[in-house]
Amino acid sequence: MRRRPALLTALILTTAATLTLSACGGDDGPAKEGNDKVAGAGAGKKPSPSHSQSAPSASDSPKIELPADFSYTFDWPKTGDEDKDAVLADSEQSIKAVDLAIVNQDPLDESYLYYYEGEAAASTEEFIKAYVKAKARVTGAYRYYNATVDVTGKDRASLTYCEDQSKAYDMYLKTEKVIKTPETRNSYVLYATQLRKNGEGVWAVSKIQSQRGSDKCQP
């Protein structure tokens, strides 16, 4: 949705969100243990009112344009089920939207607020703030695979998937210096998300958790 480069690991682990929405090849910090906390697990934190106020309408879905040094591969083909395919499509956009917020250095960027709500929105905001504080963003190539979608009822769904972070790295904005790290088993992360189809017809992420180094995602 969204990645923890090694150089920022210590910083991000000190924030309320230990959400791995973005990451790099090899973590030498605490994340090497392979288990990340549930996004929003801090404390029952509620998103600020600005979350709902900032979100655009469904007819004005955000246009996500990222720098040329970003590359995404989503190896999760369409299922043929309308609802499941909508979950996959919105989830792709939600992942990119968080990267856009980091690029824009804006913890309340309307693009990601369009796709996140509740605990996931609150923890993602804290995650983005960590990048803003460090004046950094991620760069490189990302691959997503092994997606499993389950739609329960008319407005609830879950999605699990793997992320290959082995070619994603930190980049500091002032110097544009890229910190490359080696690939390890922790470069592969398993995500489990819960989504709700909101009143605007968007499958918004409400909860997300991750497991770094999961056996299910190893190449």
N, C-alpha and C. Protein backbone atom coordinates (compact mmCIF):
# COMPACT_ATOMS: atom_id res chain seq x y z
N MET A 1 0.48 -0.28 0.00
CA MET A 1 0.00 0.00 0.00
C MET A 1 0.80 0.47 0.00
N ARG A 2 2.57 -0.07 1.38
CA ARG A 2 3.45 0.84 1.29
C ARG A 2 4.35 1.08 1.62
N ARG A 3 6.30 0.37 2.72
CA ARG A 3 7.69 0.13 2.41
C ARG A 3 8.51 0.85 3.44
N ARG A 4 9.52 0.20 3.92
CA ARG A 4 10.35 0.83 4.93
C ARG A 4 11.82 0.70 4.55
N PRO A 5 12.39 1.70 3.89
CA PRO A 5 13.80 1.65 3.55
C PRO A 5 14.66 1.55 4.80
N ALA A 6 15.81 0.88 4.65
CA ALA A 6 16.63 0.56 5.80
C ALA A 6 17.09 1.80 6.56
N LEU A 7 17.46 2.84 5.86
CA LEU A 7 18.01 4.01 6.52
C LEU A 7 16.99 4.70 7.40
N LEU A 8 15.72 4.51 7.09
CA LEU A 8 14.66 5.17 7.86
C LEU A 8 14.03 4.23 8.88
N THR A 9 14.50 3.01 8.96
CA THR A 9 13.87 2.04 9.85
C THR A 9 13.79 2.53 11.28
N ALA A 10 14.91 2.99 11.81
CA ALA A 10 14.93 3.43 13.21
C ALA A 10 13.98 4.59 13.44
N LEU A 11 13.95 5.52 12.49
CA LEU A 11 13.08 6.68 12.62
C LEU A 11 11.62 6.28 12.61
N ILE A 12 11.25 5.44 11.66
CA ILE A 12 9.85 5.08 11.51
C ILE A 12 9.38 4.21 12.67
N LEU A 13 10.26 3.40 13.21
CA LEU A 13 9.86 2.58 14.34
C LEU A 13 9.56 3.40 15.58
N THR A 14 10.01 4.66 15.60
CA THR A 14 9.73 5.50 16.75
C THR A 14 8.41 6.23 16.60
N THR A 15 7.78 6.15 15.44
CA THR A 15 6.50 6.82 15.23
C THR A 15 5.37 5.91 15.67
N ALA A 16 4.17 6.47 15.72
CA ALA A 16 3.01 5.67 16.11
C ALA A 16 2.72 4.58 15.09
N ALA A 17 3.13 4.79 13.85
CA ALA A 17 2.88 3.80 12.82
C ALA A 17 4.15 3.05 12.49
N THR A 18 4.09 1.74 12.56
CA THR A 18 5.19 0.93 12.09
C THR A 18 4.76 0.22 10.82
N LEU A 19 3.97 0.90 10.07
CA LEU A 19 3.39 0.38 8.85
C LEU A 19 4.45 0.28 7.77
N THR A 20 4.61 -0.89 7.16
CA THR A 20 5.60 -1.05 6.11
C THR A 20 4.95 -0.84 4.75
N LEU A 21 4.57 0.35 4.49
CA LEU A 21 4.00 0.64 3.18
C LEU A 21 5.09 0.77 2.14
N SER A 22 6.31 0.99 2.55
CA SER A 22 7.36 1.04 1.59
C SER A 22 8.62 0.55 2.22
N ALA A 23 9.51 -0.04 1.43
CA ALA A 23 10.72 -0.57 2.03
C ALA A 23 11.78 -0.85 1.01
N CYS A 24 12.94 -1.29 1.52
CA CYS A 24 14.04 -1.53 0.62
C CYS A 24 14.52 -2.94 0.72
N GLY A 25 15.63 -3.18 0.07
CA GLY A 25 16.20 -4.51 -0.03
C GLY A 25 16.53 -5.16 1.27
N GLY A 26 17.46 -4.68 2.04
CA GLY A 26 17.87 -5.39 3.23
C GLY A 26 17.80 -4.50 4.44
N ASP A 27 17.06 -4.91 5.45
CA ASP A 27 16.96 -4.15 6.68
C ASP A 27 17.92 -4.71 7.69
N ASP A 28 18.77 -3.86 8.25
CA ASP A 28 19.68 -4.29 9.28
C ASP A 28 19.21 -3.85 10.65
N GLY A 29 18.04 -3.22 10.70
CA GLY A 29 17.51 -2.70 11.95
C GLY A 29 16.51 -3.65 12.56
N PRO A 30 15.69 -3.14 13.48
CA PRO A 30 14.73 -3.96 14.21
C PRO A 30 13.78 -4.73 13.31
N ALA A 31 13.47 -4.19 12.11
CA ALA A 31 12.51 -4.87 11.25
C ALA A 31 13.01 -6.22 10.79
N LYS A 32 14.27 -6.52 10.99
CA LYS A 32 14.82 -7.78 10.56
C LYS A 32 14.20 -8.96 11.29
N GLU A 33 13.54 -8.68 12.41
CA GLU A 33 12.88 -9.74 13.15
C GLU A 33 11.75 -10.35 12.34
N GLY A 34 11.22 -9.60 11.37
CA GLY A 34 10.26 -10.15 10.43
C GLY A 34 8.82 -9.91 10.77
N ASN A 35 8.51 -9.28 11.90
CA ASN A 35 7.12 -9.01 12.24
C ASN A 35 6.93 -7.53 12.46
N ASP A 36 5.97 -6.95 11.76
CA ASP A 36 5.66 -5.55 11.94
C ASP A 36 4.32 -5.43 12.62
N LYS A 37 4.12 -4.35 13.35
CA LYS A 37 2.88 -4.16 14.09
C LYS A 37 1.72 -3.88 13.16
N VAL A 38 0.53 -4.08 13.69
CA VAL A 38 -0.67 -3.75 12.93
C VAL A 38 -0.72 -2.25 12.76
N ALA A 39 -1.00 -1.82 11.54
CA ALA A 39 -1.13 -0.40 11.30
C ALA A 39 -2.26 0.15 12.12
N GLY A 40 -1.99 1.23 12.86
CA GLY A 40 -2.99 1.84 13.70
C GLY A 40 -3.07 1.18 15.04
N ALA A 41 -2.18 0.19 15.33
CA ALA A 41 -2.23 -0.48 16.59
C ALA A 41 -1.89 0.44 17.70
N GLY A 42 -1.29 1.53 17.43
CA GLY A 42 -1.04 2.48 18.46
C GLY A 42 -2.32 2.98 18.95
N ALA A 43 -2.82 2.34 19.86
CA ALA A 43 -3.49 3.19 20.74
C ALA A 43 -4.86 3.64 20.43
N GLY A 44 -5.46 2.99 19.52
CA GLY A 44 -6.81 3.39 19.17
C GLY A 44 -6.90 4.79 18.66
N LYS A 45 -5.84 5.25 17.99
CA LYS A 45 -5.84 6.61 17.48
C LYS A 45 -6.86 6.76 16.38
N LYS A 46 -7.59 7.85 16.41
CA LYS A 46 -8.59 8.14 15.40
C LYS A 46 -8.03 9.13 14.40
N PRO A 47 -8.41 9.00 13.12
CA PRO A 47 -7.94 9.97 12.15
C PRO A 47 -8.51 11.34 12.47
N SER A 48 -7.75 12.35 12.14
CA SER A 48 -8.19 13.71 12.41
C SER A 48 -9.33 14.07 11.47
N PRO A 49 -10.14 15.07 11.81
CA PRO A 49 -11.26 15.46 10.95
C PRO A 49 -10.81 15.79 9.53
N SER A 50 -9.58 16.24 9.38
CA SER A 50 -9.10 16.61 8.06
C SER A 50 -9.09 15.43 7.12
N HIS A 51 -9.07 14.20 7.64
CA HIS A 51 -9.06 13.04 6.77
C HIS A 51 -10.32 13.01 5.91
N SER A 52 -11.47 13.17 6.53
CA SER A 52 -12.70 13.12 5.75
C SER A 52 -12.90 14.40 4.96
N GLN A 53 -12.46 15.51 5.50
CA GLN A 53 -12.66 16.77 4.82
C GLN A 53 -11.79 16.90 3.58
N SER A 54 -10.63 16.22 3.59
CA SER A 54 -9.70 16.38 2.49
C SER A 54 -9.98 15.44 1.33
N ALA A 55 -10.74 14.37 1.58
CA ALA A 55 -10.93 13.37 0.54
C ALA A 55 -11.78 13.90 -0.60
N PRO A 56 -11.33 13.68 -1.84
CA PRO A 56 -12.10 14.13 -2.98
C PRO A 56 -13.28 13.21 -3.24
N SER A 57 -14.21 13.63 -4.06
CA SER A 57 -15.36 12.81 -4.38
C SER A 57 -14.97 11.73 -5.37
N ALA A 58 -15.84 10.71 -5.50
CA ALA A 58 -15.55 9.60 -6.41
C ALA A 58 -15.43 10.07 -7.84
N SER A 59 -16.19 11.12 -8.19
CA SER A 59 -16.13 11.63 -9.56
C SER A 59 -14.85 12.40 -9.81
N ASP A 60 -14.09 12.64 -8.75
CA ASP A 60 -12.85 13.39 -8.87
C ASP A 60 -11.71 12.57 -8.28
N SER A 61 -11.63 11.30 -8.68
CA SER A 61 -10.59 10.42 -8.17
C SER A 61 -9.22 11.01 -8.49
N PRO A 62 -8.29 10.91 -7.54
CA PRO A 62 -7.00 11.58 -7.70
C PRO A 62 -6.18 11.03 -8.86
N LYS A 63 -5.51 11.94 -9.53
CA LYS A 63 -4.59 11.55 -10.60
C LYS A 63 -3.22 11.36 -9.97
N ILE A 64 -2.69 10.17 -10.07
CA ILE A 64 -1.44 9.85 -9.41
C ILE A 64 -0.31 9.81 -10.43
N GLU A 65 0.56 10.79 -10.35
CA GLU A 65 1.71 10.87 -11.23
C GLU A 65 2.97 10.89 -10.37
N LEU A 66 3.81 9.90 -10.57
CA LEU A 66 5.02 9.75 -9.76
C LEU A 66 6.27 9.98 -10.60
N PRO A 67 7.38 10.28 -9.95
CA PRO A 67 8.63 10.48 -10.69
C PRO A 67 9.01 9.26 -11.52
N ALA A 68 9.80 9.50 -12.55
CA ALA A 68 10.15 8.43 -13.49
C ALA A 68 10.99 7.33 -12.85
N ASP A 69 11.58 7.60 -11.69
CA ASP A 69 12.41 6.58 -11.05
C ASP A 69 11.58 5.57 -10.26
N PHE A 70 10.26 5.73 -10.26
CA PHE A 70 9.37 4.74 -9.65
C PHE A 70 8.90 3.76 -10.72
N SER A 71 8.86 2.49 -10.34
CA SER A 71 8.35 1.46 -11.24
C SER A 71 7.55 0.44 -10.44
N TYR A 72 6.36 0.09 -10.92
CA TYR A 72 5.51 -0.87 -10.24
C TYR A 72 5.16 -2.02 -11.18
N THR A 73 5.17 -3.23 -10.64
CA THR A 73 4.67 -4.39 -11.35
C THR A 73 3.65 -5.07 -10.45
N PHE A 74 2.42 -5.17 -10.93
CA PHE A 74 1.36 -5.83 -10.18
C PHE A 74 1.05 -7.16 -10.86
N ASP A 75 1.62 -8.22 -10.32
CA ASP A 75 1.37 -9.56 -10.86
C ASP A 75 0.16 -10.18 -10.17
N TRP A 76 -0.96 -9.47 -10.29
CA TRP A 76 -2.20 -10.06 -9.79
C TRP A 76 -3.28 -9.84 -10.87
N PRO A 77 -3.37 -10.79 -11.78
CA PRO A 77 -4.31 -10.67 -12.90
C PRO A 77 -5.75 -10.59 -12.44
N LYS A 78 -6.60 -10.09 -13.33
CA LYS A 78 -8.02 -9.96 -13.02
C LYS A 78 -8.64 -11.32 -12.75
N THR A 79 -9.61 -11.32 -11.85
CA THR A 79 -10.26 -12.56 -11.45
C THR A 79 -11.50 -12.87 -12.28
N GLY A 80 -12.05 -11.85 -12.91
CA GLY A 80 -13.30 -12.03 -13.63
C GLY A 80 -14.51 -11.70 -12.79
N ASP A 81 -14.28 -11.48 -11.49
CA ASP A 81 -15.34 -11.06 -10.57
C ASP A 81 -15.28 -9.55 -10.43
N GLU A 82 -16.39 -8.88 -10.68
CA GLU A 82 -16.41 -7.41 -10.71
C GLU A 82 -15.94 -6.79 -9.39
N ASP A 83 -16.45 -7.29 -8.29
CA ASP A 83 -16.09 -6.73 -6.99
C ASP A 83 -14.63 -7.00 -6.65
N LYS A 84 -14.18 -8.23 -6.87
CA LYS A 84 -12.79 -8.57 -6.56
C LYS A 84 -11.82 -7.75 -7.42
N ASP A 85 -12.15 -7.58 -8.68
CA ASP A 85 -11.28 -6.80 -9.55
C ASP A 85 -11.25 -5.33 -9.15
N ALA A 86 -12.38 -4.83 -8.63
CA ALA A 86 -12.42 -3.46 -8.14
C ALA A 86 -11.54 -3.30 -6.90
N VAL A 87 -11.53 -4.31 -6.03
CA VAL A 87 -10.67 -4.28 -4.85
C VAL A 87 -9.20 -4.23 -5.28
N LEU A 88 -8.84 -5.05 -6.24
CA LEU A 88 -7.46 -5.07 -6.73
C LEU A 88 -7.08 -3.74 -7.36
N ALA A 89 -7.98 -3.18 -8.16
CA ALA A 89 -7.69 -1.92 -8.84
C ALA A 89 -7.51 -0.78 -7.85
N ASP A 90 -8.41 -0.69 -6.86
CA ASP A 90 -8.30 0.38 -5.87
C ASP A 90 -7.08 0.18 -4.97
N SER A 91 -6.73 -1.07 -4.73
CA SER A 91 -5.55 -1.34 -3.90
C SER A 91 -4.27 -0.93 -4.61
N GLU A 92 -4.21 -1.13 -5.91
CA GLU A 92 -3.05 -0.65 -6.68
C GLU A 92 -2.91 0.87 -6.51
N GLN A 93 -4.02 1.56 -6.65
CA GLN A 93 -3.98 3.01 -6.54
C GLN A 93 -3.63 3.46 -5.11
N SER A 94 -4.10 2.71 -4.13
CA SER A 94 -3.83 3.09 -2.74
C SER A 94 -2.34 2.99 -2.44
N ILE A 95 -1.67 1.98 -2.99
CA ILE A 95 -0.23 1.83 -2.80
C ILE A 95 0.52 3.01 -3.42
N LYS A 96 0.15 3.35 -4.64
CA LYS A 96 0.80 4.45 -5.33
C LYS A 96 0.52 5.79 -4.65
N ALA A 97 -0.69 5.91 -4.10
CA ALA A 97 -1.08 7.18 -3.49
C ALA A 97 -0.22 7.52 -2.27
N VAL A 98 0.17 6.50 -1.51
CA VAL A 98 1.04 6.75 -0.36
C VAL A 98 2.42 7.22 -0.83
N ASP A 99 2.93 6.62 -1.89
CA ASP A 99 4.21 7.07 -2.43
C ASP A 99 4.12 8.52 -2.91
N LEU A 100 2.98 8.87 -3.50
CA LEU A 100 2.80 10.24 -3.97
C LEU A 100 2.81 11.21 -2.79
N ALA A 101 2.17 10.85 -1.70
CA ALA A 101 2.17 11.71 -0.52
C ALA A 101 3.58 11.91 0.01
N ILE A 102 4.39 10.86 -0.04
CA ILE A 102 5.78 10.97 0.40
C ILE A 102 6.57 11.86 -0.54
N VAL A 103 6.37 11.69 -1.84
CA VAL A 103 7.03 12.54 -2.82
C VAL A 103 6.64 14.00 -2.61
N ASN A 104 5.36 14.23 -2.35
CA ASN A 104 4.87 15.60 -2.11
C ASN A 104 5.21 16.11 -0.72
N GLN A 105 5.74 15.21 0.14
CA GLN A 105 6.08 15.57 1.52
C GLN A 105 4.87 16.16 2.23
N ASP A 106 3.73 15.49 2.05
CA ASP A 106 2.47 15.99 2.59
C ASP A 106 1.72 14.87 3.33
N PRO A 107 1.75 14.87 4.67
CA PRO A 107 1.06 13.83 5.44
C PRO A 107 -0.46 13.83 5.28
N LEU A 108 -1.01 14.90 4.72
CA LEU A 108 -2.45 14.97 4.50
C LEU A 108 -2.77 15.08 3.01
N ASP A 109 -1.94 14.50 2.20
CA ASP A 109 -2.15 14.53 0.76
C ASP A 109 -3.50 13.89 0.42
N GLU A 110 -4.29 14.58 -0.38
CA GLU A 110 -5.66 14.11 -0.64
C GLU A 110 -5.69 12.80 -1.42
N SER A 111 -4.62 12.49 -2.16
CA SER A 111 -4.63 11.25 -2.95
C SER A 111 -4.70 10.01 -2.08
N TYR A 112 -3.86 9.94 -1.02
CA TYR A 112 -3.93 8.73 -0.20
C TYR A 112 -5.17 8.75 0.70
N LEU A 113 -5.64 9.94 1.09
CA LEU A 113 -6.84 10.01 1.92
C LEU A 113 -8.08 9.53 1.17
N TYR A 114 -7.98 9.50 -0.13
CA TYR A 114 -9.07 8.98 -0.95
C TYR A 114 -9.21 7.47 -0.78
N TYR A 115 -8.10 6.81 -0.44
CA TYR A 115 -8.08 5.35 -0.39
C TYR A 115 -7.88 4.75 1.00
N TYR A 116 -7.76 5.59 2.02
CA TYR A 116 -7.54 5.08 3.38
C TYR A 116 -8.53 5.73 4.33
N GLU A 117 -8.91 4.97 5.36
CA GLU A 117 -9.81 5.50 6.37
C GLU A 117 -9.50 4.84 7.71
N GLY A 118 -10.06 5.41 8.77
CA GLY A 118 -9.95 4.81 10.09
C GLY A 118 -8.52 4.60 10.55
N GLU A 119 -8.25 3.43 11.13
CA GLU A 119 -6.93 3.12 11.66
C GLU A 119 -5.85 3.21 10.59
N ALA A 120 -6.15 2.72 9.40
CA ALA A 120 -5.16 2.72 8.33
C ALA A 120 -4.79 4.14 7.93
N ALA A 121 -5.77 5.04 7.89
CA ALA A 121 -5.48 6.44 7.54
C ALA A 121 -4.63 7.11 8.61
N ALA A 122 -4.96 6.86 9.87
CA ALA A 122 -4.22 7.49 10.96
C ALA A 122 -2.77 7.03 11.00
N SER A 123 -2.54 5.73 10.87
CA SER A 123 -1.18 5.22 10.93
C SER A 123 -0.38 5.58 9.68
N THR A 124 -1.05 5.62 8.54
CA THR A 124 -0.36 6.01 7.31
C THR A 124 0.09 7.46 7.39
N GLU A 125 -0.72 8.31 7.99
CA GLU A 125 -0.32 9.70 8.18
C GLU A 125 0.97 9.80 8.98
N GLU A 126 1.07 9.02 10.06
CA GLU A 126 2.28 9.04 10.88
C GLU A 126 3.48 8.51 10.10
N PHE A 127 3.24 7.49 9.28
CA PHE A 127 4.30 6.92 8.46
C PHE A 127 4.85 7.97 7.49
N ILE A 128 3.96 8.69 6.83
CA ILE A 128 4.39 9.71 5.89
C ILE A 128 5.14 10.83 6.60
N LYS A 129 4.68 11.18 7.80
CA LYS A 129 5.36 12.22 8.58
C LYS A 129 6.82 11.87 8.83
N ALA A 130 7.11 10.58 9.01
CA ALA A 130 8.49 10.16 9.25
C ALA A 130 9.37 10.49 8.06
N TYR A 131 8.84 10.29 6.85
CA TYR A 131 9.59 10.64 5.66
C TYR A 131 9.75 12.16 5.53
N VAL A 132 8.71 12.88 5.85
CA VAL A 132 8.79 14.35 5.79
C VAL A 132 9.85 14.85 6.75
N LYS A 133 9.87 14.31 7.94
CA LYS A 133 10.85 14.72 8.94
C LYS A 133 12.27 14.44 8.46
N ALA A 134 12.45 13.31 7.79
CA ALA A 134 13.78 12.93 7.30
C ALA A 134 14.13 13.60 5.97
N LYS A 135 13.14 14.30 5.37
CA LYS A 135 13.33 14.92 4.05
C LYS A 135 13.85 13.87 3.05
N ALA A 136 13.11 12.77 2.98
CA ALA A 136 13.51 11.65 2.13
C ALA A 136 12.29 11.02 1.49
N ARG A 137 12.55 10.20 0.50
CA ARG A 137 11.51 9.39 -0.12
C ARG A 137 12.15 8.11 -0.61
N VAL A 138 11.32 7.23 -1.18
CA VAL A 138 11.85 5.99 -1.71
C VAL A 138 11.95 6.08 -3.23
N THR A 139 12.78 5.25 -3.79
CA THR A 139 12.97 5.19 -5.24
C THR A 139 13.21 3.75 -5.63
N GLY A 140 12.96 3.43 -6.88
CA GLY A 140 13.25 2.07 -7.34
C GLY A 140 12.05 1.34 -7.89
N ALA A 141 12.15 0.02 -7.88
CA ALA A 141 11.13 -0.84 -8.50
C ALA A 141 10.43 -1.68 -7.44
N TYR A 142 9.14 -1.85 -7.59
CA TYR A 142 8.32 -2.61 -6.65
C TYR A 142 7.53 -3.65 -7.42
N ARG A 143 7.39 -4.82 -6.81
CA ARG A 143 6.59 -5.87 -7.44
C ARG A 143 5.61 -6.43 -6.41
N TYR A 144 4.38 -6.65 -6.84
CA TYR A 144 3.32 -7.17 -5.98
C TYR A 144 2.77 -8.46 -6.60
N TYR A 145 2.54 -9.46 -5.76
CA TYR A 145 2.19 -10.78 -6.29
C TYR A 145 1.47 -11.60 -5.21
N ASN A 146 1.00 -12.79 -5.62
CA ASN A 146 0.31 -13.72 -4.70
C ASN A 146 -0.88 -13.06 -3.99
N ALA A 147 -1.69 -12.36 -4.77
CA ALA A 147 -2.85 -11.68 -4.19
C ALA A 147 -4.01 -12.65 -4.02
N THR A 148 -4.68 -12.54 -2.86
CA THR A 148 -5.90 -13.30 -2.59
C THR A 148 -6.96 -12.34 -2.09
N VAL A 149 -8.09 -12.29 -2.80
CA VAL A 149 -9.18 -11.37 -2.46
C VAL A 149 -10.38 -12.16 -1.97
N ASP A 150 -11.01 -11.63 -0.92
CA ASP A 150 -12.24 -12.22 -0.42
C ASP A 150 -13.24 -11.08 -0.17
N VAL A 151 -14.35 -11.11 -0.87
CA VAL A 151 -15.39 -10.09 -0.69
C VAL A 151 -16.49 -10.69 0.18
N THR A 152 -16.77 -10.03 1.30
CA THR A 152 -17.77 -10.53 2.24
C THR A 152 -18.89 -9.50 2.35
N GLY A 153 -20.01 -9.80 1.78
CA GLY A 153 -21.11 -8.84 1.78
C GLY A 153 -20.93 -7.79 0.70
N LYS A 154 -21.77 -6.79 0.74
CA LYS A 154 -21.76 -5.78 -0.33
C LYS A 154 -20.69 -4.73 -0.14
N ASP A 155 -20.13 -4.59 1.08
CA ASP A 155 -19.21 -3.48 1.30
C ASP A 155 -17.99 -3.84 2.13
N ARG A 156 -17.68 -5.13 2.25
CA ARG A 156 -16.52 -5.54 3.03
C ARG A 156 -15.66 -6.50 2.22
N ALA A 157 -14.35 -6.38 2.38
CA ALA A 157 -13.44 -7.26 1.65
C ALA A 157 -12.12 -7.36 2.39
N SER A 158 -11.37 -8.38 2.05
CA SER A 158 -10.01 -8.52 2.56
C SER A 158 -9.09 -8.84 1.40
N LEU A 159 -7.84 -8.43 1.54
CA LEU A 159 -6.85 -8.69 0.50
C LEU A 159 -5.52 -9.00 1.16
N THR A 160 -4.93 -10.11 0.78
CA THR A 160 -3.57 -10.42 1.20
C THR A 160 -2.69 -10.45 -0.04
N TYR A 161 -1.46 -10.01 0.10
CA TYR A 161 -0.55 -9.99 -1.05
C TYR A 161 0.89 -9.87 -0.57
N CYS A 162 1.80 -10.15 -1.47
CA CYS A 162 3.23 -10.04 -1.19
C CYS A 162 3.82 -8.84 -1.91
N GLU A 163 4.85 -8.28 -1.30
CA GLU A 163 5.57 -7.17 -1.92
C GLU A 163 7.06 -7.51 -1.96
N ASP A 164 7.65 -7.34 -3.13
CA ASP A 164 9.09 -7.50 -3.33
C ASP A 164 9.72 -6.12 -3.25
N GLN A 165 10.48 -5.89 -2.18
CA GLN A 165 11.10 -4.59 -1.93
C GLN A 165 12.60 -4.60 -2.25
N SER A 166 13.08 -5.67 -2.89
CA SER A 166 14.52 -5.86 -3.05
C SER A 166 15.18 -4.81 -3.91
N LYS A 167 14.40 -4.10 -4.71
CA LYS A 167 14.98 -3.07 -5.58
C LYS A 167 14.43 -1.68 -5.25
N ALA A 168 14.03 -1.49 -3.99
CA ALA A 168 13.55 -0.19 -3.52
C ALA A 168 14.54 0.36 -2.50
N TYR A 169 14.82 1.66 -2.60
CA TYR A 169 15.87 2.24 -1.77
C TYR A 169 15.47 3.62 -1.24
N ASP A 170 16.23 4.09 -0.26
CA ASP A 170 16.06 5.45 0.26
C ASP A 170 16.74 6.47 -0.65
N MET A 171 16.12 7.64 -0.73
CA MET A 171 16.77 8.75 -1.41
C MET A 171 16.50 10.03 -0.63
N TYR A 172 17.56 10.74 -0.27
CA TYR A 172 17.40 12.01 0.41
C TYR A 172 17.18 13.11 -0.62
N LEU A 173 16.20 13.96 -0.35
CA LEU A 173 15.75 14.93 -1.34
C LEU A 173 16.78 16.01 -1.61
N LYS A 174 17.49 16.45 -0.60
CA LYS A 174 18.42 17.57 -0.77
C LYS A 174 19.59 17.19 -1.66
N THR A 175 20.16 16.03 -1.42
CA THR A 175 21.34 15.60 -2.17
C THR A 175 21.02 14.62 -3.29
N GLU A 176 19.81 14.05 -3.27
CA GLU A 176 19.39 13.00 -4.21
C GLU A 176 20.30 11.77 -4.11
N LYS A 177 20.91 11.60 -2.95
CA LYS A 177 21.75 10.43 -2.72
C LYS A 177 20.88 9.22 -2.45
N VAL A 178 21.13 8.14 -3.19
CA VAL A 178 20.39 6.90 -3.03
C VAL A 178 21.22 5.93 -2.19
N ILE A 179 20.62 5.39 -1.14
CA ILE A 179 21.29 4.44 -0.26
C ILE A 179 20.84 3.04 -0.63
N LYS A 180 21.71 2.29 -1.30
CA LYS A 180 21.35 0.94 -1.72
C LYS A 180 21.76 -0.07 -0.66
N THR A 181 20.90 -1.02 -0.46
CA THR A 181 21.12 -2.06 0.55
C THR A 181 20.96 -3.43 -0.10
N PRO A 182 21.60 -4.45 0.47
CA PRO A 182 21.53 -5.78 -0.13
C PRO A 182 20.17 -6.43 0.06
N GLU A 183 19.85 -7.33 -0.84
CA GLU A 183 18.62 -8.11 -0.73
C GLU A 183 18.76 -9.15 0.38
N THR A 184 17.72 -9.27 1.20
CA THR A 184 17.66 -10.32 2.23
C THR A 184 16.26 -10.91 2.22
N ARG A 185 16.02 -11.91 3.06
CA ARG A 185 14.66 -12.47 3.14
C ARG A 185 13.67 -11.42 3.62
N ASN A 186 14.15 -10.41 4.34
CA ASN A 186 13.26 -9.35 4.82
C ASN A 186 12.87 -8.36 3.73
N SER A 187 13.41 -8.57 2.53
CA SER A 187 13.00 -7.75 1.39
C SER A 187 11.61 -8.14 0.90
N TYR A 188 11.08 -9.22 1.43
CA TYR A 188 9.79 -9.75 0.98
C TYR A 188 8.79 -9.69 2.13
N VAL A 189 7.68 -9.01 1.88
CA VAL A 189 6.73 -8.69 2.94
C VAL A 189 5.33 -9.19 2.57
N LEU A 190 4.69 -9.81 3.54
CA LEU A 190 3.29 -10.24 3.39
C LEU A 190 2.38 -9.19 4.01
N TYR A 191 1.38 -8.76 3.27
CA TYR A 191 0.41 -7.78 3.76
C TYR A 191 -0.98 -8.41 3.85
N ALA A 192 -1.72 -7.99 4.85
CA ALA A 192 -3.13 -8.38 4.99
C ALA A 192 -3.92 -7.11 5.25
N THR A 193 -4.87 -6.81 4.38
CA THR A 193 -5.65 -5.58 4.52
C THR A 193 -7.13 -5.90 4.64
N GLN A 194 -7.82 -5.02 5.33
CA GLN A 194 -9.28 -5.04 5.37
C GLN A 194 -9.77 -3.78 4.68
N LEU A 195 -10.78 -3.93 3.86
CA LEU A 195 -11.28 -2.81 3.08
C LEU A 195 -12.79 -2.66 3.25
N ARG A 196 -13.26 -1.44 3.07
CA ARG A 196 -14.69 -1.14 3.12
C ARG A 196 -15.05 -0.33 1.89
N LYS A 197 -16.13 -0.73 1.24
CA LYS A 197 -16.62 0.03 0.09
C LYS A 197 -17.42 1.20 0.64
N ASN A 198 -16.87 2.40 0.48
CA ASN A 198 -17.51 3.57 1.09
C ASN A 198 -18.66 4.10 0.23
N GLY A 199 -19.27 5.18 0.69
CA GLY A 199 -20.43 5.74 0.01
C GLY A 199 -20.14 6.27 -1.38
N GLU A 200 -18.85 6.47 -1.67
CA GLU A 200 -18.46 6.95 -3.00
C GLU A 200 -18.08 5.81 -3.93
N GLY A 201 -18.24 4.57 -3.43
CA GLY A 201 -17.95 3.41 -4.27
C GLY A 201 -16.48 3.02 -4.31
N VAL A 202 -15.69 3.56 -3.42
CA VAL A 202 -14.26 3.28 -3.38
C VAL A 202 -13.97 2.21 -2.33
N TRP A 203 -13.17 1.22 -2.69
CA TRP A 203 -12.73 0.22 -1.72
C TRP A 203 -11.58 0.81 -0.93
N ALA A 204 -11.89 1.35 0.24
CA ALA A 204 -10.91 2.05 1.07
C ALA A 204 -10.30 1.09 2.08
N VAL A 205 -8.99 1.22 2.29
CA VAL A 205 -8.28 0.39 3.27
C VAL A 205 -8.59 0.92 4.67
N SER A 206 -9.12 0.06 5.52
CA SER A 206 -9.43 0.48 6.89
C SER A 206 -8.45 -0.08 7.91
N LYS A 207 -7.88 -1.24 7.61
CA LYS A 207 -6.87 -1.83 8.49
C LYS A 207 -5.82 -2.53 7.63
N ILE A 208 -4.58 -2.54 8.12
CA ILE A 208 -3.52 -3.21 7.38
C ILE A 208 -2.48 -3.72 8.36
N GLN A 209 -1.98 -4.92 8.11
CA GLN A 209 -0.88 -5.44 8.91
C GLN A 209 0.11 -6.12 7.98
N SER A 210 1.33 -6.30 8.45
CA SER A 210 2.37 -6.86 7.58
C SER A 210 3.30 -7.76 8.36
N GLN A 211 3.92 -8.68 7.63
CA GLN A 211 4.92 -9.56 8.20
C GLN A 211 6.13 -9.57 7.28
N ARG A 212 7.19 -8.99 7.77
CA ARG A 212 8.44 -8.93 6.99
C ARG A 212 9.14 -10.28 7.03
N GLY A 213 9.67 -10.70 5.88
CA GLY A 213 10.40 -11.96 5.83
C GLY A 213 9.51 -13.18 5.82
N SER A 214 8.24 -13.00 5.49
CA SER A 214 7.29 -14.12 5.50
C SER A 214 7.72 -15.21 4.53
N ASP A 215 7.60 -16.46 4.97
CA ASP A 215 7.92 -17.59 4.11
C ASP A 215 7.01 -17.64 2.88
N LYS A 216 5.80 -17.11 3.01
CA LYS A 216 4.85 -17.14 1.90
C LYS A 216 5.26 -16.26 0.73
N CYS A 217 6.21 -15.36 0.95
CA CYS A 217 6.57 -14.40 -0.09
C CYS A 217 7.98 -14.59 -0.63
N GLN A 218 8.72 -15.54 -0.10
CA GLN A 218 10.09 -15.74 -0.54
C GLN A 218 10.15 -16.20 -1.99
N PRO A 219 11.11 -15.71 -2.76
CA PRO A 219 11.21 -16.11 -4.18
C PRO A 219 11.66 -17.57 -4.32
